[in-house]
Structures are given as C-alpha cells and as structure tokens.
C-alpha cells in the first residue's frame, strides 16, 4: 500500500466517523468534488474562504434533500465556482 493509499484510507475512516457523529451517510461525501471546489476558491479568491465554500455547498445539499428535491452536486459546485470566475473578471 502506498503512502497516498494509506492517507486516503485514513481520510475514509475519519469521514465515516464524522458522518456517523452527525447522522450523515458517508457515501454522500464526495472528497474529489470538495477538493476541486475548495482548491478553486483558495487559489482563485481567498484561501480562508475555501472551507466556507465547502460549508455553503453542504448547506445547499442538505436544504435540497430536506425538501425532497434532486441534488446535482456538479451543478452546485459549478455555480459556486462561477462566483469566483465572476470576481476574477470584475477585477
């Protein structure tokens, strides 16, 4: 097992524990999408806003699920990332 595989296994274990602690299905956590979005926010806008962006995405997902509406994380990620692109274009 490579170091990265060990790291990913450690992450997966923590994600399962954290999700269980708050009653969330660990399968709904898309680490790749979250990392891609937070990277764009950190490098395209402000690093401290990266976790805030992830929180906003999570709140949006929860809100849609609560309403029984379909969740399209890719579209929501793109919408949040578009706010960074818009700021870059205005600068």
PDB file of N, CA and C in Angstrom:
ATOM      1  N   UNK A   1       0.853  -1.181   0.000  1.00  0.00           N
ATOM      2  CA  UNK A   1       0.000   0.000   0.000  1.00  0.00           C
ATOM      3  C   UNK A   1       0.898   1.243   0.000  1.00  0.00           C
ATOM      4  N   UNK A   2       0.607   2.157  -0.911  1.00  0.00           N
ATOM      5  CA  UNK A   2       1.398   3.387  -0.996  1.00  0.00           C
ATOM      6  C   UNK A   2       1.022   4.338   0.142  1.00  0.00           C
ATOM      7  N   UNK A   3       1.864   5.353   0.339  1.00  0.00           N
ATOM      8  CA  UNK A   3       1.570   6.359   1.363  1.00  0.00           C
ATOM      9  C   UNK A   3       0.248   7.062   1.068  1.00  0.00           C
ATOM     10  N   UNK A   4       0.008   7.360  -0.218  1.00  0.00           N
ATOM     11  CA  UNK A   4      -1.231   8.048  -0.569  1.00  0.00           C
ATOM     12  C   UNK A   4      -2.440   7.160  -0.291  1.00  0.00           C
ATOM     13  N   UNK A   5      -2.314   5.870  -0.577  1.00  0.00           N
ATOM     14  CA  UNK A   5      -3.419   4.947  -0.288  1.00  0.00           C
ATOM     15  C   UNK A   5      -3.689   4.878   1.212  1.00  0.00           C
ATOM     16  N   UNK A   6      -2.623   4.896   2.010  1.00  0.00           N
ATOM     17  CA  UNK A   6      -2.786   4.907   3.469  1.00  0.00           C
ATOM     18  C   UNK A   6      -3.487   6.185   3.914  1.00  0.00           C
ATOM     19  N   UNK A   7      -3.097   7.292   3.300  1.00  0.00           N
ATOM     20  CA  UNK A   7      -3.716   8.573   3.636  1.00  0.00           C
ATOM     21  C   UNK A   7      -5.194   8.555   3.284  1.00  0.00           C
ATOM     22  N   UNK A   8      -5.517   8.077   2.094  1.00  0.00           N
ATOM     23  CA  UNK A   8      -6.928   8.022   1.672  1.00  0.00           C
ATOM     24  C   UNK A   8      -7.742   7.105   2.585  1.00  0.00           C
ATOM     25  N   UNK A   9      -7.137   6.020   3.038  1.00  0.00           N
ATOM     26  CA  UNK A   9      -7.817   5.115   3.962  1.00  0.00           C
ATOM     27  C   UNK A   9      -8.067   5.814   5.302  1.00  0.00           C
ATOM     28  N   UNK A  10      -7.076   6.562   5.761  1.00  0.00           N
ATOM     29  CA  UNK A  10      -7.223   7.344   6.990  1.00  0.00           C
ATOM     30  C   UNK A  10      -8.347   8.362   6.836  1.00  0.00           C
ATOM     31  N   UNK A  11      -8.366   9.039   5.684  1.00  0.00           N
ATOM     32  CA  UNK A  11      -9.433  10.015   5.407  1.00  0.00           C
ATOM     33  C   UNK A  11     -10.799   9.335   5.432  1.00  0.00           C
ATOM     34  N   UNK A  12     -10.900   8.202   4.752  1.00  0.00           N
ATOM     35  CA  UNK A  12     -12.184   7.491   4.661  1.00  0.00           C
ATOM     36  C   UNK A  12     -12.675   7.083   6.049  1.00  0.00           C
ATOM     37  N   UNK A  13     -11.752   6.618   6.885  1.00  0.00           N
ATOM     38  CA  UNK A  13     -12.131   6.243   8.252  1.00  0.00           C
ATOM     39  C   UNK A  13     -12.656   7.449   9.017  1.00  0.00           C
ATOM     40  N   UNK A  14     -11.962   8.580   8.894  1.00  0.00           N
ATOM     41  CA  UNK A  14     -12.404   9.791   9.592  1.00  0.00           C
ATOM     42  C   UNK A  14     -13.746  10.272   9.050  1.00  0.00           C
ATOM     43  N   UNK A  15     -13.912  10.248   7.737  1.00  0.00           N
ATOM     44  CA  UNK A  15     -15.179  10.671   7.130  1.00  0.00           C
ATOM     45  C   UNK A  15     -16.319   9.821   7.683  1.00  0.00           C
ATOM     46  N   UNK A  16     -16.110   8.512   7.770  1.00  0.00           N
ATOM     47  CA  UNK A  16     -17.155   7.639   8.316  1.00  0.00           C
ATOM     48  C   UNK A  16     -17.465   7.996   9.764  1.00  0.00           C
ATOM     49  N   UNK A  17     -16.424   8.230  10.573  1.00  0.00           N
ATOM     50  CA  UNK A  17     -16.637   8.591  11.978  1.00  0.00           C
ATOM     51  C   UNK A  17     -17.354   9.931  12.104  1.00  0.00           C
ATOM     52  N   UNK A  18     -16.904  10.923  11.338  1.00  0.00           N
ATOM     53  CA  UNK A  18     -17.507  12.256  11.410  1.00  0.00           C
ATOM     54  C   UNK A  18     -18.961  12.211  10.947  1.00  0.00           C
ATOM     55  N   UNK A  19     -19.221  11.473   9.880  1.00  0.00           N
ATOM     56  CA  UNK A  19     -20.595  11.358   9.375  1.00  0.00           C
ATOM     57  C   UNK A  19     -21.490  10.643  10.380  1.00  0.00           C
ATOM     58  N   UNK A  20     -20.980   9.582  10.976  1.00  0.00           N
ATOM     59  CA  UNK A  20     -21.760   8.850  11.973  1.00  0.00           C
ATOM     60  C   UNK A  20     -22.082   9.747  13.171  1.00  0.00           C
ATOM     61  N   UNK A  21     -21.150  10.620  13.521  1.00  0.00           N
ATOM     62  CA  UNK A  21     -21.344  11.508  14.673  1.00  0.00           C
ATOM     63  C   UNK A  21     -22.494  12.485  14.468  1.00  0.00           C
ATOM     64  N   UNK A  22     -22.772  12.825  13.206  1.00  0.00           N
ATOM     65  CA  UNK A  22     -23.829  13.811  12.929  1.00  0.00           C
ATOM     66  C   UNK A  22     -24.983  13.235  12.111  1.00  0.00           C
ATOM     67  N   UNK A  23     -24.995  11.923  11.928  1.00  0.00           N
ATOM     68  CA  UNK A  23     -26.116  11.277  11.247  1.00  0.00           C
ATOM     69  C   UNK A  23     -26.178  11.506   9.752  1.00  0.00           C
ATOM     70  N   UNK A  24     -25.021  11.518   9.108  1.00  0.00           N
ATOM     71  CA  UNK A  24     -24.948  11.729   7.661  1.00  0.00           C
ATOM     72  C   UNK A  24     -24.407  10.457   7.011  1.00  0.00           C
ATOM     73  N   UNK A  25     -24.916  10.129   5.833  1.00  0.00           N
ATOM     74  CA  UNK A  25     -24.436   8.978   5.079  1.00  0.00           C
ATOM     75  C   UNK A  25     -23.053   9.291   4.509  1.00  0.00           C
ATOM     76  N   UNK A  26     -22.050   8.536   4.912  1.00  0.00           N
ATOM     77  CA  UNK A  26     -20.676   8.776   4.456  1.00  0.00           C
ATOM     78  C   UNK A  26     -20.540   8.634   2.946  1.00  0.00           C
ATOM     79  N   UNK A  27     -21.406   7.855   2.329  1.00  0.00           N
ATOM     80  CA  UNK A  27     -21.362   7.684   0.874  1.00  0.00           C
ATOM     81  C   UNK A  27     -21.701   8.977   0.136  1.00  0.00           C
ATOM     82  N   UNK A  28     -22.342   9.903   0.830  1.00  0.00           N
ATOM     83  CA  UNK A  28     -22.720  11.166   0.183  1.00  0.00           C
ATOM     84  C   UNK A  28     -21.577  12.175   0.159  1.00  0.00           C
ATOM     85  N   UNK A  29     -20.456  11.829   0.777  1.00  0.00           N
ATOM     86  CA  UNK A  29     -19.314  12.746   0.829  1.00  0.00           C
ATOM     87  C   UNK A  29     -18.427  12.498  -0.386  1.00  0.00           C
ATOM     88  N   UNK A  30     -18.358  13.483  -1.261  1.00  0.00           N
ATOM     89  CA  UNK A  30     -17.572  13.389  -2.492  1.00  0.00           C
ATOM     90  C   UNK A  30     -16.290  14.202  -2.310  1.00  0.00           C
ATOM     91  N   UNK A  31     -15.252  13.538  -1.818  1.00  0.00           N
ATOM     92  CA  UNK A  31     -13.998  14.218  -1.497  1.00  0.00           C
ATOM     93  C   UNK A  31     -13.388  14.885  -2.727  1.00  0.00           C
ATOM     94  N   UNK A  32     -13.435  14.227  -3.861  1.00  0.00           N
ATOM     95  CA  UNK A  32     -12.836  14.781  -5.081  1.00  0.00           C
ATOM     96  C   UNK A  32     -13.507  16.101  -5.457  1.00  0.00           C
ATOM     97  N   UNK A  33     -14.832  16.134  -5.436  1.00  0.00           N
ATOM     98  CA  UNK A  33     -15.563  17.363  -5.762  1.00  0.00           C
ATOM     99  C   UNK A  33     -15.256  18.463  -4.759  1.00  0.00           C
ATOM    100  N   UNK A  34     -15.259  18.111  -3.482  1.00  0.00           N
ATOM    101  CA  UNK A  34     -14.984  19.108  -2.442  1.00  0.00           C
ATOM    102  C   UNK A  34     -13.582  19.672  -2.605  1.00  0.00           C
ATOM    103  N   UNK A  35     -12.599  18.798  -2.821  1.00  0.00           N
ATOM    104  CA  UNK A  35     -11.223  19.273  -3.001  1.00  0.00           C
ATOM    105  C   UNK A  35     -11.081  20.155  -4.237  1.00  0.00           C
ATOM    106  N   UNK A  36     -11.727  19.770  -5.328  1.00  0.00           N
ATOM    107  CA  UNK A  36     -11.641  20.573  -6.555  1.00  0.00           C
ATOM    108  C   UNK A  36     -12.223  21.962  -6.333  1.00  0.00           C
ATOM    109  N   UNK A  37     -13.366  22.018  -5.670  1.00  0.00           N
ATOM    110  CA  UNK A  37     -14.009  23.308  -5.445  1.00  0.00           C
ATOM    111  C   UNK A  37     -13.206  24.164  -4.470  1.00  0.00           C
ATOM    112  N   UNK A  38     -12.756  23.568  -3.370  1.00  0.00           N
ATOM    113  CA  UNK A  38     -12.020  24.366  -2.387  1.00  0.00           C
ATOM    114  C   UNK A  38     -10.674  24.828  -2.943  1.00  0.00           C
ATOM    115  N   UNK A  39     -10.077  24.042  -3.829  1.00  0.00           N
ATOM    116  CA  UNK A  39      -8.838  24.473  -4.480  1.00  0.00           C
ATOM    117  C   UNK A  39      -9.096  25.708  -5.336  1.00  0.00           C
ATOM    118  N   UNK A  40     -10.177  25.670  -6.098  1.00  0.00           N
ATOM    119  CA  UNK A  40     -10.515  26.821  -6.953  1.00  0.00           C
ATOM    120  C   UNK A  40     -10.755  28.065  -6.100  1.00  0.00           C
ATOM    121  N   UNK A  41     -11.474  27.904  -4.989  1.00  0.00           N
ATOM    122  CA  UNK A  41     -11.742  29.046  -4.112  1.00  0.00           C
ATOM    123  C   UNK A  41     -10.441  29.557  -3.497  1.00  0.00           C
ATOM    124  N   UNK A  42      -9.613  28.643  -2.987  1.00  0.00           N
ATOM    125  CA  UNK A  42      -8.370  29.034  -2.319  1.00  0.00           C
ATOM    126  C   UNK A  42      -7.409  29.743  -3.260  1.00  0.00           C
ATOM    127  N   UNK A  43      -7.298  29.250  -4.484  1.00  0.00           N
ATOM    128  CA  UNK A  43      -6.337  29.829  -5.426  1.00  0.00           C
ATOM    129  C   UNK A  43      -6.921  30.947  -6.272  1.00  0.00           C
ATOM    130  N   UNK A  44      -8.235  30.913  -6.490  1.00  0.00           N
ATOM    131  CA  UNK A  44      -8.856  31.924  -7.335  1.00  0.00           C
ATOM    132  C   UNK A  44      -9.450  33.089  -6.581  1.00  0.00           C
ATOM    133  N   UNK A  45      -9.577  32.939  -5.257  1.00  0.00           N
ATOM    134  CA  UNK A  45     -10.169  34.005  -4.455  1.00  0.00           C
ATOM    135  C   UNK A  45      -9.355  34.186  -3.183  1.00  0.00           C
ATOM    136  N   UNK A  46      -9.776  33.593  -2.109  1.00  0.00           N
ATOM    137  CA  UNK A  46      -9.097  33.739  -0.822  1.00  0.00           C
ATOM    138  C   UNK A  46      -9.061  32.387  -0.116  1.00  0.00           C
ATOM    139  N   UNK A  47      -7.885  31.974   0.315  1.00  0.00           N
ATOM    140  CA  UNK A  47      -7.711  30.680   0.981  1.00  0.00           C
ATOM    141  C   UNK A  47      -8.664  30.473   2.172  1.00  0.00           C
ATOM    142  N   UNK A  48      -8.847  31.466   3.052  1.00  0.00           N
ATOM    143  CA  UNK A  48      -9.741  31.239   4.192  1.00  0.00           C
ATOM    144  C   UNK A  48     -11.199  30.981   3.802  1.00  0.00           C
ATOM    145  N   UNK A  49     -11.559  31.304   2.574  1.00  0.00           N
ATOM    146  CA  UNK A  49     -12.939  31.087   2.144  1.00  0.00           C
ATOM    147  C   UNK A  49     -13.181  29.675   1.615  1.00  0.00           C
ATOM    148  N   UNK A  50     -12.126  28.874   1.432  1.00  0.00           N
ATOM    149  CA  UNK A  50     -12.288  27.510   0.918  1.00  0.00           C
ATOM    150  C   UNK A  50     -13.180  26.652   1.822  1.00  0.00           C
ATOM    151  N   UNK A  51     -12.931  26.592   3.138  1.00  0.00           N
ATOM    152  CA  UNK A  51     -13.847  25.796   3.962  1.00  0.00           C
ATOM    153  C   UNK A  51     -15.249  26.399   4.038  1.00  0.00           C
ATOM    154  N   UNK A  52     -15.341  27.706   3.915  1.00  0.00           N
ATOM    155  CA  UNK A  52     -16.656  28.351   3.914  1.00  0.00           C
ATOM    156  C   UNK A  52     -17.436  27.910   2.673  1.00  0.00           C
ATOM    157  N   UNK A  53     -16.757  27.846   1.532  1.00  0.00           N
ATOM    158  CA  UNK A  53     -17.403  27.372   0.304  1.00  0.00           C
ATOM    159  C   UNK A  53     -17.892  25.939   0.444  1.00  0.00           C
ATOM    160  N   UNK A  54     -17.080  25.082   1.090  1.00  0.00           N
ATOM    161  CA  UNK A  54     -17.496  23.697   1.314  1.00  0.00           C
ATOM    162  C   UNK A  54     -18.719  23.645   2.227  1.00  0.00           C
ATOM    163  N   UNK A  55     -18.740  24.516   3.214  1.00  0.00           N
ATOM    164  CA  UNK A  55     -19.894  24.575   4.117  1.00  0.00           C
ATOM    165  C   UNK A  55     -21.147  25.018   3.355  1.00  0.00           C
ATOM    166  N   UNK A  56     -20.997  26.028   2.525  1.00  0.00           N
ATOM    167  CA  UNK A  56     -22.134  26.512   1.729  1.00  0.00           C
ATOM    168  C   UNK A  56     -22.679  25.389   0.850  1.00  0.00           C
ATOM    169  N   UNK A  57     -21.785  24.646   0.203  1.00  0.00           N
ATOM    170  CA  UNK A  57     -22.214  23.515  -0.622  1.00  0.00           C
ATOM    171  C   UNK A  57     -22.973  22.496   0.226  1.00  0.00           C
ATOM    172  N   UNK A  58     -22.455  22.191   1.403  1.00  0.00           N
ATOM    173  CA  UNK A  58     -23.112  21.231   2.285  1.00  0.00           C
ATOM    174  C   UNK A  58     -24.489  21.688   2.737  1.00  0.00           C
ATOM    175  N   UNK A  59     -24.600  22.967   3.079  1.00  0.00           N
ATOM    176  CA  UNK A  59     -25.900  23.505   3.483  1.00  0.00           C
ATOM    177  C   UNK A  59     -26.889  23.400   2.323  1.00  0.00           C
ATOM    178  N   UNK A  60     -26.427  23.725   1.122  1.00  0.00           N
ATOM    179  CA  UNK A  60     -27.298  23.660  -0.058  1.00  0.00           C
ATOM    180  C   UNK A  60     -27.765  22.229  -0.315  1.00  0.00           C
ATOM    181  N   UNK A  61     -26.853  21.274  -0.207  1.00  0.00           N
ATOM    182  CA  UNK A  61     -27.215  19.864  -0.403  1.00  0.00           C
ATOM    183  C   UNK A  61     -28.256  19.445   0.632  1.00  0.00           C
ATOM    184  N   UNK A  62     -28.007  19.771   1.887  1.00  0.00           N
ATOM    185  CA  UNK A  62     -28.948  19.416   2.948  1.00  0.00           C
ATOM    186  C   UNK A  62     -30.314  20.046   2.750  1.00  0.00           C
ATOM    187  N   UNK A  63     -30.320  21.289   2.310  1.00  0.00           N
ATOM    188  CA  UNK A  63     -31.579  22.001   2.080  1.00  0.00           C
ATOM    189  C   UNK A  63     -32.400  21.311   0.990  1.00  0.00           C
ATOM    190  N   UNK A  64     -31.751  20.960  -0.111  1.00  0.00           N
ATOM    191  CA  UNK A  64     -32.462  20.277  -1.201  1.00  0.00           C
ATOM    192  C   UNK A  64     -32.961  18.904  -0.763  1.00  0.00           C
ATOM    193  N   UNK A  65     -32.121  18.171  -0.042  1.00  0.00           N
ATOM    194  CA  UNK A  65     -32.530  16.848   0.422  1.00  0.00           C
ATOM    195  C   UNK A  65     -33.716  16.949   1.377  1.00  0.00           C
ATOM    196  N   UNK A  66     -33.683  17.950   2.229  1.00  0.00           N
ATOM    197  CA  UNK A  66     -34.776  18.163   3.178  1.00  0.00           C
ATOM    198  C   UNK A  66     -36.101  18.403   2.451  1.00  0.00           C
ATOM    199  N   UNK A  67     -36.015  19.071   1.312  1.00  0.00           N
ATOM    200  CA  UNK A  67     -37.206  19.364   0.515  1.00  0.00           C
ATOM    201  C   UNK A  67     -37.588  18.207  -0.405  1.00  0.00           C
ATOM    202  N   UNK A  68     -36.775  17.152  -0.419  1.00  0.00           N
ATOM    203  CA  UNK A  68     -37.047  16.022  -1.295  1.00  0.00           C
ATOM    204  C   UNK A  68     -36.737  16.311  -2.749  1.00  0.00           C
ATOM    205  N   UNK A  69     -35.934  17.338  -2.982  1.00  0.00           N
ATOM    206  CA  UNK A  69     -35.583  17.718  -4.355  1.00  0.00           C
ATOM    207  C   UNK A  69     -34.292  17.020  -4.767  1.00  0.00           C
ATOM    208  N   UNK A  70     -34.097  16.791  -6.068  1.00  0.00           N
ATOM    209  CA  UNK A  70     -32.868  16.147  -6.528  1.00  0.00           C
ATOM    210  C   UNK A  70     -31.650  17.034  -6.273  1.00  0.00           C
ATOM    211  N   UNK A  71     -30.541  16.383  -5.997  1.00  0.00           N
ATOM    212  CA  UNK A  71     -29.291  17.091  -5.721  1.00  0.00           C
ATOM    213  C   UNK A  71     -28.326  16.840  -6.868  1.00  0.00           C
ATOM    214  N   UNK A  72     -27.875  17.908  -7.496  1.00  0.00           N
ATOM    215  CA  UNK A  72     -26.874  17.825  -8.560  1.00  0.00           C
ATOM    216  C   UNK A  72     -25.632  18.565  -8.059  1.00  0.00           C
ATOM    217  N   UNK A  73     -24.769  17.820  -7.384  1.00  0.00           N
ATOM    218  CA  UNK A  73     -23.601  18.440  -6.758  1.00  0.00           C
ATOM    219  C   UNK A  73     -22.713  19.112  -7.797  1.00  0.00           C
ATOM    220  N   UNK A  74     -22.566  18.506  -8.967  1.00  0.00           N
ATOM    221  CA  UNK A  74     -21.721  19.110 -10.001  1.00  0.00           C
ATOM    222  C   UNK A  74     -22.228  20.496 -10.386  1.00  0.00           C
ATOM    223  N   UNK A  75     -23.528  20.628 -10.569  1.00  0.00           N
ATOM    224  CA  UNK A  75     -24.097  21.938 -10.927  1.00  0.00           C
ATOM    225  C   UNK A  75     -23.918  22.942  -9.801  1.00  0.00           C
ATOM    226  N   UNK A  76     -24.107  22.480  -8.575  1.00  0.00           N
ATOM    227  CA  UNK A  76     -23.947  23.388  -7.435  1.00  0.00           C
ATOM    228  C   UNK A  76     -22.490  23.805  -7.278  1.00  0.00           C
ATOM    229  N   UNK A  77     -21.571  22.865  -7.484  1.00  0.00           N
ATOM    230  CA  UNK A  77     -20.143  23.182  -7.439  1.00  0.00           C
ATOM    231  C   UNK A  77     -19.824  24.231  -8.503  1.00  0.00           C
ATOM    232  N   UNK A  78     -20.312  24.020  -9.709  1.00  0.00           N
ATOM    233  CA  UNK A  78     -20.054  24.964 -10.799  1.00  0.00           C
ATOM    234  C   UNK A  78     -20.635  26.337 -10.496  1.00  0.00           C
ATOM    235  N   UNK A  79     -21.802  26.375  -9.874  1.00  0.00           N
ATOM    236  CA  UNK A  79     -22.422  27.659  -9.529  1.00  0.00           C
ATOM    237  C   UNK A  79     -21.577  28.411  -8.508  1.00  0.00           C
ATOM    238  N   UNK A  80     -21.063  27.686  -7.513  1.00  0.00           N
ATOM    239  CA  UNK A  80     -20.206  28.333  -6.513  1.00  0.00           C
ATOM    240  C   UNK A  80     -18.903  28.784  -7.159  1.00  0.00           C
ATOM    241  N   UNK A  81     -18.301  27.931  -7.983  1.00  0.00           N
ATOM    242  CA  UNK A  81     -17.057  28.300  -8.665  1.00  0.00           C
ATOM    243  C   UNK A  81     -17.263  29.487  -9.597  1.00  0.00           C
ATOM    244  N   UNK A  82     -18.438  29.605 -10.188  1.00  0.00           N
ATOM    245  CA  UNK A  82     -18.720  30.727 -11.091  1.00  0.00           C
ATOM    246  C   UNK A  82     -18.635  32.057 -10.356  1.00  0.00           C
ATOM    247  N   UNK A  83     -18.929  32.053  -9.058  1.00  0.00           N
ATOM    248  CA  UNK A  83     -18.823  33.307  -8.304  1.00  0.00           C
ATOM    249  C   UNK A  83     -17.373  33.756  -8.203  1.00  0.00           C
ATOM    250  N   UNK A  84     -16.442  32.802  -8.238  1.00  0.00           N
ATOM    251  CA  UNK A  84     -15.009  33.140  -8.229  1.00  0.00           C
ATOM    252  C   UNK A  84     -14.621  33.693  -9.593  1.00  0.00           C
ATOM    253  N   UNK A  85     -15.058  33.026 -10.653  1.00  0.00           N
ATOM    254  CA  UNK A  85     -14.769  33.478 -12.017  1.00  0.00           C
ATOM    255  C   UNK A  85     -15.310  34.879 -12.243  1.00  0.00           C
ATOM    256  N   UNK A  86     -16.527  35.134 -11.753  1.00  0.00           N
ATOM    257  CA  UNK A  86     -17.123  36.470 -11.897  1.00  0.00           C
ATOM    258  C   UNK A  86     -16.274  37.518 -11.191  1.00  0.00           C
ATOM    259  N   UNK A  87     -15.752  37.195 -10.020  1.00  0.00           N
ATOM    260  CA  UNK A  87     -14.903  38.140  -9.285  1.00  0.00           C
ATOM    261  C   UNK A  87     -13.597  38.392 -10.037  1.00  0.00           C
ATOM    262  N   UNK A  88     -13.035  37.323 -10.627  1.00  0.00           N
ATOM    263  CA  UNK A  88     -11.796  37.470 -11.398  1.00  0.00           C
ATOM    264  C   UNK A  88     -12.024  38.389 -12.592  1.00  0.00           C
ATOM    265  N   UNK A  89     -13.179  38.245 -13.242  1.00  0.00           N
ATOM    266  CA  UNK A  89     -13.484  39.064 -14.420  1.00  0.00           C
ATOM    267  C   UNK A  89     -13.733  40.517 -14.044  1.00  0.00           C
ATOM    268  N   UNK A  90     -14.257  40.767 -12.847  1.00  0.00           N
ATOM    269  CA  UNK A  90     -14.532  42.130 -12.398  1.00  0.00           C
ATOM    270  C   UNK A  90     -13.265  42.853 -11.953  1.00  0.00           C
ATOM    271  N   UNK A  91     -12.248  42.081 -11.592  1.00  0.00           N
ATOM    272  CA  UNK A  91     -11.007  42.686 -11.073  1.00  0.00           C
ATOM    273  C   UNK A  91     -10.205  43.377 -12.150  1.00  0.00           C
TER     274      UNK A  91
END
